[in-house]
Amino acid sequence: MKTFDYTAVVWKEKEGYVSKCPELGVASCGDSISDAMGSLKEAVSLYLENAEALGLLKDVEESLTTSEKFTSHMEVVM
C-alpha cells in the first residue's frame, strides 16, 4: 500500500467552500472548510482507485510522491 501526498486548496464562495487538488484537477465542495476537505479526500481516493483500475496510476504517481512541492498566492491586475 502506498501513501500519496496531495495538495488541497480551499476557498470560500457565496454558497460554501470549494476544495481542489491541483495535482489531479479533482475538485469538490462543502458547507464548511472541513466538509470541503472531507469531500475532496473522498474524491481524490475515488479518482486514484479509478486510475489504478485503468492502469493509469503511474501517470500521476510522481506528482503525489515528490517531496518538493511549493504553493504561492499570486496576483494579476487587469
PDB file of N, CA and C in Angstrom:
ATOM      1  N   MET A   1       0.845  -1.184   0.000  1.00  0.00           N
ATOM      2  CA  MET A   1       0.000   0.000   0.000  1.00  0.00           C
ATOM      3  C   MET A   1       0.889   1.245   0.000  1.00  0.00           C
ATOM      4  N   LYS A   2       0.591   2.180  -0.877  1.00  0.00           N
ATOM      5  CA  LYS A   2       1.370   3.415  -0.987  1.00  0.00           C
ATOM      6  C   LYS A   2       0.629   4.568  -0.330  1.00  0.00           C
ATOM      7  N   THR A   3       1.408   5.525   0.133  1.00  0.00           N
ATOM      8  CA  THR A   3       0.844   6.756   0.672  1.00  0.00           C
ATOM      9  C   THR A   3       1.091   7.863  -0.339  1.00  0.00           C
ATOM     10  N   PHE A   4       0.032   8.556  -0.708  1.00  0.00           N
ATOM     11  CA  PHE A   4       0.134   9.658  -1.652  1.00  0.00           C
ATOM     12  C   PHE A   4      -0.101  10.973  -0.916  1.00  0.00           C
ATOM     13  N   ASP A   5       0.692  11.966  -1.262  1.00  0.00           N
ATOM     14  CA  ASP A   5       0.633  13.282  -0.626  1.00  0.00           C
ATOM     15  C   ASP A   5       0.139  14.291  -1.659  1.00  0.00           C
ATOM     16  N   TYR A   6      -1.056  14.833  -1.439  1.00  0.00           N
ATOM     17  CA  TYR A   6      -1.605  15.774  -2.411  1.00  0.00           C
ATOM     18  C   TYR A   6      -1.861  17.127  -1.753  1.00  0.00           C
ATOM     19  N   THR A   7      -1.945  18.140  -2.583  1.00  0.00           N
ATOM     20  CA  THR A   7      -2.211  19.499  -2.132  1.00  0.00           C
ATOM     21  C   THR A   7      -3.717  19.737  -2.133  1.00  0.00           C
ATOM     22  N   ALA A   8      -4.205  20.378  -1.099  1.00  0.00           N
ATOM     23  CA  ALA A   8      -5.617  20.762  -1.031  1.00  0.00           C
ATOM     24  C   ALA A   8      -5.694  22.286  -0.957  1.00  0.00           C
ATOM     25  N   VAL A   9      -6.386  22.875  -1.905  1.00  0.00           N
ATOM     26  CA  VAL A   9      -6.620  24.318  -1.920  1.00  0.00           C
ATOM     27  C   VAL A   9      -8.103  24.519  -1.652  1.00  0.00           C
ATOM     28  N   VAL A  10      -8.420  25.384  -0.698  1.00  0.00           N
ATOM     29  CA  VAL A  10      -9.823  25.623  -0.332  1.00  0.00           C
ATOM     30  C   VAL A  10     -10.092  27.115  -0.369  1.00  0.00           C
ATOM     31  N   TRP A  11     -11.229  27.486  -0.950  1.00  0.00           N
ATOM     32  CA  TRP A  11     -11.610  28.899  -0.938  1.00  0.00           C
ATOM     33  C   TRP A  11     -13.108  29.022  -0.709  1.00  0.00           C
ATOM     34  N   LYS A  12     -13.487  30.196  -0.197  1.00  0.00           N
ATOM     35  CA  LYS A  12     -14.882  30.496   0.133  1.00  0.00           C
ATOM     36  C   LYS A  12     -15.579  31.073  -1.082  1.00  0.00           C
ATOM     37  N   GLU A  13     -16.772  30.580  -1.343  1.00  0.00           N
ATOM     38  CA  GLU A  13     -17.656  31.160  -2.349  1.00  0.00           C
ATOM     39  C   GLU A  13     -18.980  31.493  -1.666  1.00  0.00           C
ATOM     40  N   LYS A  14     -19.897  32.131  -2.378  1.00  0.00           N
ATOM     41  CA  LYS A  14     -21.169  32.554  -1.777  1.00  0.00           C
ATOM     42  C   LYS A  14     -21.903  31.437  -1.059  1.00  0.00           C
ATOM     43  N   GLU A  15     -21.976  30.276  -1.695  1.00  0.00           N
ATOM     44  CA  GLU A  15     -22.795  29.182  -1.185  1.00  0.00           C
ATOM     45  C   GLU A  15     -22.031  28.164  -0.351  1.00  0.00           C
ATOM     46  N   GLY A  16     -20.752  28.358  -0.102  1.00  0.00           N
ATOM     47  CA  GLY A  16     -19.983  27.384   0.676  1.00  0.00           C
ATOM     48  C   GLY A  16     -18.514  27.446   0.329  1.00  0.00           C
ATOM     49  N   TYR A  17     -17.844  26.313   0.454  1.00  0.00           N
ATOM     50  CA  TYR A  17     -16.408  26.227   0.220  1.00  0.00           C
ATOM     51  C   TYR A  17     -16.116  25.269  -0.925  1.00  0.00           C
ATOM     52  N   VAL A  18     -15.149  25.630  -1.738  1.00  0.00           N
ATOM     53  CA  VAL A  18     -14.697  24.782  -2.836  1.00  0.00           C
ATOM     54  C   VAL A  18     -13.307  24.267  -2.461  1.00  0.00           C
ATOM     55  N   SER A  19     -13.059  23.009  -2.734  1.00  0.00           N
ATOM     56  CA  SER A  19     -11.742  22.421  -2.485  1.00  0.00           C
ATOM     57  C   SER A  19     -11.234  21.802  -3.775  1.00  0.00           C
ATOM     58  N   LYS A  20      -9.914  21.888  -3.987  1.00  0.00           N
ATOM     59  CA  LYS A  20      -9.345  21.369  -5.226  1.00  0.00           C
ATOM     60  C   LYS A  20      -7.968  20.777  -4.972  1.00  0.00           C
ATOM     61  N   CYS A  21      -7.687  19.686  -5.662  1.00  0.00           N
ATOM     62  CA  CYS A  21      -6.360  19.076  -5.681  1.00  0.00           C
ATOM     63  C   CYS A  21      -5.733  19.431  -7.029  1.00  0.00           C
ATOM     64  N   PRO A  22      -4.792  20.387  -7.055  1.00  0.00           N
ATOM     65  CA  PRO A  22      -4.235  20.824  -8.336  1.00  0.00           C
ATOM     66  C   PRO A  22      -3.422  19.746  -9.055  1.00  0.00           C
ATOM     67  N   GLU A  23      -2.825  18.817  -8.326  1.00  0.00           N
ATOM     68  CA  GLU A  23      -2.046  17.761  -8.986  1.00  0.00           C
ATOM     69  C   GLU A  23      -2.917  16.896  -9.892  1.00  0.00           C
ATOM     70  N   LEU A  24      -4.166  16.687  -9.502  1.00  0.00           N
ATOM     71  CA  LEU A  24      -5.053  15.789 -10.238  1.00  0.00           C
ATOM     72  C   LEU A  24      -6.169  16.514 -10.980  1.00  0.00           C
ATOM     73  N   GLY A  25      -6.401  17.781 -10.661  1.00  0.00           N
ATOM     74  CA  GLY A  25      -7.518  18.504 -11.250  1.00  0.00           C
ATOM     75  C   GLY A  25      -8.858  18.065 -10.685  1.00  0.00           C
ATOM     76  N   VAL A  26      -8.826  17.474  -9.484  1.00  0.00           N
ATOM     77  CA  VAL A  26     -10.041  16.994  -8.826  1.00  0.00           C
ATOM     78  C   VAL A  26     -10.548  18.085  -7.887  1.00  0.00           C
ATOM     79  N   ALA A  27     -11.851  18.334  -7.909  1.00  0.00           N
ATOM     80  CA  ALA A  27     -12.445  19.366  -7.051  1.00  0.00           C
ATOM     81  C   ALA A  27     -13.678  18.824  -6.361  1.00  0.00           C
ATOM     82  N   SER A  28     -14.036  19.463  -5.255  1.00  0.00           N
ATOM     83  CA  SER A  28     -15.244  19.113  -4.530  1.00  0.00           C
ATOM     84  C   SER A  28     -15.712  20.362  -3.781  1.00  0.00           C
ATOM     85  N   CYS A  29     -16.658  20.194  -2.875  1.00  0.00           N
ATOM     86  CA  CYS A  29     -17.166  21.346  -2.144  1.00  0.00           C
ATOM     87  C   CYS A  29     -17.804  20.889  -0.836  1.00  0.00           C
ATOM     88  N   GLY A  30     -18.188  21.871  -0.020  1.00  0.00           N
ATOM     89  CA  GLY A  30     -18.858  21.580   1.240  1.00  0.00           C
ATOM     90  C   GLY A  30     -19.351  22.848   1.888  1.00  0.00           C
ATOM     91  N   ASP A  31     -20.169  22.686   2.922  1.00  0.00           N
ATOM     92  CA  ASP A  31     -20.721  23.836   3.637  1.00  0.00           C
ATOM     93  C   ASP A  31     -19.712  24.477   4.586  1.00  0.00           C
ATOM     94  N   SER A  32     -18.663  23.743   4.950  1.00  0.00           N
ATOM     95  CA  SER A  32     -17.609  24.267   5.816  1.00  0.00           C
ATOM     96  C   SER A  32     -16.261  23.840   5.238  1.00  0.00           C
ATOM     97  N   ILE A  33     -15.195  24.396   5.790  1.00  0.00           N
ATOM     98  CA  ILE A  33     -13.867  24.007   5.323  1.00  0.00           C
ATOM     99  C   ILE A  33     -13.649  22.517   5.544  1.00  0.00           C
ATOM    100  N   SER A  34     -14.025  22.017   6.712  1.00  0.00           N
ATOM    101  CA  SER A  34     -13.798  20.601   6.984  1.00  0.00           C
ATOM    102  C   SER A  34     -14.669  19.718   6.101  1.00  0.00           C
ATOM    103  N   ASP A  35     -15.896  20.133   5.787  1.00  0.00           N
ATOM    104  CA  ASP A  35     -16.739  19.374   4.852  1.00  0.00           C
ATOM    105  C   ASP A  35     -16.094  19.328   3.457  1.00  0.00           C
ATOM    106  N   ALA A  36     -15.599  20.476   3.008  1.00  0.00           N
ATOM    107  CA  ALA A  36     -14.971  20.550   1.686  1.00  0.00           C
ATOM    108  C   ALA A  36     -13.710  19.691   1.633  1.00  0.00           C
ATOM    109  N   MET A  37     -12.941  19.695   2.713  1.00  0.00           N
ATOM    110  CA  MET A  37     -11.731  18.877   2.776  1.00  0.00           C
ATOM    111  C   MET A  37     -12.079  17.390   2.786  1.00  0.00           C
ATOM    112  N   GLY A  38     -13.085  17.014   3.560  1.00  0.00           N
ATOM    113  CA  GLY A  38     -13.511  15.617   3.605  1.00  0.00           C
ATOM    114  C   GLY A  38     -14.032  15.141   2.262  1.00  0.00           C
ATOM    115  N   SER A  39     -14.802  15.991   1.594  1.00  0.00           N
ATOM    116  CA  SER A  39     -15.327  15.651   0.272  1.00  0.00           C
ATOM    117  C   SER A  39     -14.196  15.513  -0.743  1.00  0.00           C
ATOM    118  N   LEU A  40     -13.193  16.387  -0.633  1.00  0.00           N
ATOM    119  CA  LEU A  40     -12.050  16.305  -1.547  1.00  0.00           C
ATOM    120  C   LEU A  40     -11.265  15.021  -1.311  1.00  0.00           C
ATOM    121  N   LYS A  41     -11.072  14.664  -0.050  1.00  0.00           N
ATOM    122  CA  LYS A  41     -10.342  13.430   0.261  1.00  0.00           C
ATOM    123  C   LYS A  41     -11.049  12.224  -0.367  1.00  0.00           C
ATOM    124  N   GLU A  42     -12.359  12.191  -0.260  1.00  0.00           N
ATOM    125  CA  GLU A  42     -13.130  11.102  -0.862  1.00  0.00           C
ATOM    126  C   GLU A  42     -13.005  11.124  -2.384  1.00  0.00           C
ATOM    127  N   ALA A  43     -13.093  12.310  -2.985  1.00  0.00           N
ATOM    128  CA  ALA A  43     -12.992  12.437  -4.442  1.00  0.00           C
ATOM    129  C   ALA A  43     -11.612  12.008  -4.943  1.00  0.00           C
ATOM    130  N   VAL A  44     -10.558  12.390  -4.220  1.00  0.00           N
ATOM    131  CA  VAL A  44      -9.202  12.001  -4.602  1.00  0.00           C
ATOM    132  C   VAL A  44      -9.041  10.489  -4.492  1.00  0.00           C
ATOM    133  N   SER A  45      -9.556   9.899  -3.418  1.00  0.00           N
ATOM    134  CA  SER A  45      -9.476   8.444  -3.249  1.00  0.00           C
ATOM    135  C   SER A  45     -10.171   7.721  -4.397  1.00  0.00           C
ATOM    136  N   LEU A  46     -11.357   8.187  -4.748  1.00  0.00           N
ATOM    137  CA  LEU A  46     -12.090   7.569  -5.859  1.00  0.00           C
ATOM    138  C   LEU A  46     -11.350   7.745  -7.184  1.00  0.00           C
ATOM    139  N   TYR A  47     -10.779   8.914  -7.394  1.00  0.00           N
ATOM    140  CA  TYR A  47     -10.009   9.179  -8.606  1.00  0.00           C
ATOM    141  C   TYR A  47      -8.834   8.209  -8.707  1.00  0.00           C
ATOM    142  N   LEU A  48      -8.102   8.045  -7.590  1.00  0.00           N
ATOM    143  CA  LEU A  48      -6.937   7.167  -7.595  1.00  0.00           C
ATOM    144  C   LEU A  48      -7.319   5.701  -7.773  1.00  0.00           C
ATOM    145  N   GLU A  49      -8.421   5.282  -7.153  1.00  0.00           N
ATOM    146  CA  GLU A  49      -8.906   3.909  -7.341  1.00  0.00           C
ATOM    147  C   GLU A  49      -9.235   3.663  -8.811  1.00  0.00           C
ATOM    148  N   ASN A  50      -9.884   4.632  -9.438  1.00  0.00           N
ATOM    149  CA  ASN A  50     -10.237   4.517 -10.848  1.00  0.00           C
ATOM    150  C   ASN A  50      -8.984   4.519 -11.727  1.00  0.00           C
ATOM    151  N   ALA A  51      -8.029   5.392 -11.422  1.00  0.00           N
ATOM    152  CA  ALA A  51      -6.777   5.444 -12.184  1.00  0.00           C
ATOM    153  C   ALA A  51      -6.036   4.111 -12.080  1.00  0.00           C
ATOM    154  N   GLU A  52      -6.048   3.517 -10.899  1.00  0.00           N
ATOM    155  CA  GLU A  52      -5.395   2.221 -10.717  1.00  0.00           C
ATOM    156  C   GLU A  52      -6.096   1.134 -11.538  1.00  0.00           C
ATOM    157  N   ALA A  53      -7.417   1.130 -11.492  1.00  0.00           N
ATOM    158  CA  ALA A  53      -8.192   0.139 -12.244  1.00  0.00           C
ATOM    159  C   ALA A  53      -7.959   0.263 -13.753  1.00  0.00           C
ATOM    160  N   LEU A  54      -7.713   1.479 -14.223  1.00  0.00           N
ATOM    161  CA  LEU A  54      -7.492   1.713 -15.647  1.00  0.00           C
ATOM    162  C   LEU A  54      -6.017   1.611 -16.055  1.00  0.00           C
ATOM    163  N   GLY A  55      -5.162   1.332 -15.072  1.00  0.00           N
ATOM    164  CA  GLY A  55      -3.732   1.242 -15.355  1.00  0.00           C
ATOM    165  C   GLY A  55      -3.074   2.582 -15.581  1.00  0.00           C
ATOM    166  N   LEU A  56      -3.635   3.645 -15.019  1.00  0.00           N
ATOM    167  CA  LEU A  56      -3.120   4.999 -15.228  1.00  0.00           C
ATOM    168  C   LEU A  56      -2.470   5.606 -13.987  1.00  0.00           C
ATOM    169  N   LEU A  57      -2.356   4.840 -12.923  1.00  0.00           N
ATOM    170  CA  LEU A  57      -1.826   5.378 -11.671  1.00  0.00           C
ATOM    171  C   LEU A  57      -0.397   5.890 -11.825  1.00  0.00           C
ATOM    172  N   LYS A  58       0.415   5.209 -12.614  1.00  0.00           N
ATOM    173  CA  LYS A  58       1.803   5.640 -12.823  1.00  0.00           C
ATOM    174  C   LYS A  58       1.882   7.035 -13.442  1.00  0.00           C
ATOM    175  N   ASP A  59       0.854   7.414 -14.197  1.00  0.00           N
ATOM    176  CA  ASP A  59       0.841   8.736 -14.840  1.00  0.00           C
ATOM    177  C   ASP A  59       0.776   9.877 -13.833  1.00  0.00           C
ATOM    178  N   VAL A  60       0.195   9.640 -12.662  1.00  0.00           N
ATOM    179  CA  VAL A  60       0.040  10.702 -11.657  1.00  0.00           C
ATOM    180  C   VAL A  60       0.882  10.462 -10.415  1.00  0.00           C
ATOM    181  N   GLU A  61       1.506   9.300 -10.325  1.00  0.00           N
ATOM    182  CA  GLU A  61       2.223   8.916  -9.107  1.00  0.00           C
ATOM    183  C   GLU A  61       3.330   9.890  -8.716  1.00  0.00           C
ATOM    184  N   GLU A  62       4.124  10.343  -9.672  1.00  0.00           N
ATOM    185  CA  GLU A  62       5.243  11.225  -9.344  1.00  0.00           C
ATOM    186  C   GLU A  62       4.780  12.522  -8.684  1.00  0.00           C
ATOM    187  N   SER A  63       3.683  13.102  -9.179  1.00  0.00           N
ATOM    188  CA  SER A  63       3.204  14.361  -8.604  1.00  0.00           C
ATOM    189  C   SER A  63       2.663  14.171  -7.190  1.00  0.00           C
ATOM    190  N   LEU A  64       2.331  12.939  -6.815  1.00  0.00           N
ATOM    191  CA  LEU A  64       1.778  12.665  -5.489  1.00  0.00           C
ATOM    192  C   LEU A  64       2.795  12.074  -4.527  1.00  0.00           C
ATOM    193  N   THR A  65       4.016  11.838  -4.983  1.00  0.00           N
ATOM    194  CA  THR A  65       5.033  11.258  -4.101  1.00  0.00           C
ATOM    195  C   THR A  65       6.276  12.135  -3.965  1.00  0.00           C
ATOM    196  N   THR A  66       6.376  13.201  -4.743  1.00  0.00           N
ATOM    197  CA  THR A  66       7.544  14.069  -4.651  1.00  0.00           C
ATOM    198  C   THR A  66       7.585  14.784  -3.299  1.00  0.00           C
ATOM    199  N   SER A  67       8.785  14.991  -2.794  1.00  0.00           N
ATOM    200  CA  SER A  67       8.929  15.706  -1.522  1.00  0.00           C
ATOM    201  C   SER A  67       9.048  17.215  -1.737  1.00  0.00           C
ATOM    202  N   GLU A  68       9.144  17.651  -2.976  1.00  0.00           N
ATOM    203  CA  GLU A  68       9.275  19.071  -3.275  1.00  0.00           C
ATOM    204  C   GLU A  68       7.992  19.609  -3.881  1.00  0.00           C
ATOM    205  N   LYS A  69       7.225  20.309  -3.054  1.00  0.00           N
ATOM    206  CA  LYS A  69       6.002  20.971  -3.508  1.00  0.00           C
ATOM    207  C   LYS A  69       6.003  22.381  -2.953  1.00  0.00           C
ATOM    208  N   PHE A  70       5.620  23.305  -3.777  1.00  0.00           N
ATOM    209  CA  PHE A  70       5.591  24.700  -3.364  1.00  0.00           C
ATOM    210  C   PHE A  70       4.262  25.304  -3.787  1.00  0.00           C
ATOM    211  N   THR A  71       3.679  26.082  -2.918  1.00  0.00           N
ATOM    212  CA  THR A  71       2.463  26.807  -3.265  1.00  0.00           C
ATOM    213  C   THR A  71       2.690  28.281  -2.988  1.00  0.00           C
ATOM    214  N   SER A  72       1.982  29.108  -3.707  1.00  0.00           N
ATOM    215  CA  SER A  72       2.129  30.543  -3.547  1.00  0.00           C
ATOM    216  C   SER A  72       0.838  31.227  -3.963  1.00  0.00           C
ATOM    217  N   HIS A  73       0.590  32.344  -3.369  1.00  0.00           N
ATOM    218  CA  HIS A  73      -0.520  33.193  -3.774  1.00  0.00           C
ATOM    219  C   HIS A  73       0.032  34.245  -4.719  1.00  0.00           C
ATOM    220  N   MET A  74      -0.570  34.389  -5.875  1.00  0.00           N
ATOM    221  CA  MET A  74      -0.083  35.371  -6.848  1.00  0.00           C
ATOM    222  C   MET A  74      -1.247  36.256  -7.272  1.00  0.00           C
ATOM    223  N   GLU A  75      -0.916  37.346  -7.916  1.00  0.00           N
ATOM    224  CA  GLU A  75      -1.936  38.313  -8.297  1.00  0.00           C
ATOM    225  C   GLU A  75      -1.670  38.836  -9.699  1.00  0.00           C
ATOM    226  N   VAL A  76      -2.734  39.082 -10.433  1.00  0.00           N
ATOM    227  CA  VAL A  76      -2.609  39.713 -11.738  1.00  0.00           C
ATOM    228  C   VAL A  76      -3.608  40.870 -11.769  1.00  0.00           C
ATOM    229  N   VAL A  77      -3.200  41.984 -12.308  1.00  0.00           N
ATOM    230  CA  VAL A  77      -4.070  43.153 -12.422  1.00  0.00           C
ATOM    231  C   VAL A  77      -4.466  43.313 -13.873  1.00  0.00           C
ATOM    232  N   MET A  78      -5.763  43.458 -14.105  1.00  0.00           N
ATOM    233  CA  MET A  78      -6.274  43.605 -15.475  1.00  0.00           C
ATOM    234  C   MET A  78      -7.042  44.896 -15.606  1.00  0.00           C
TER     235      MET A  78
END
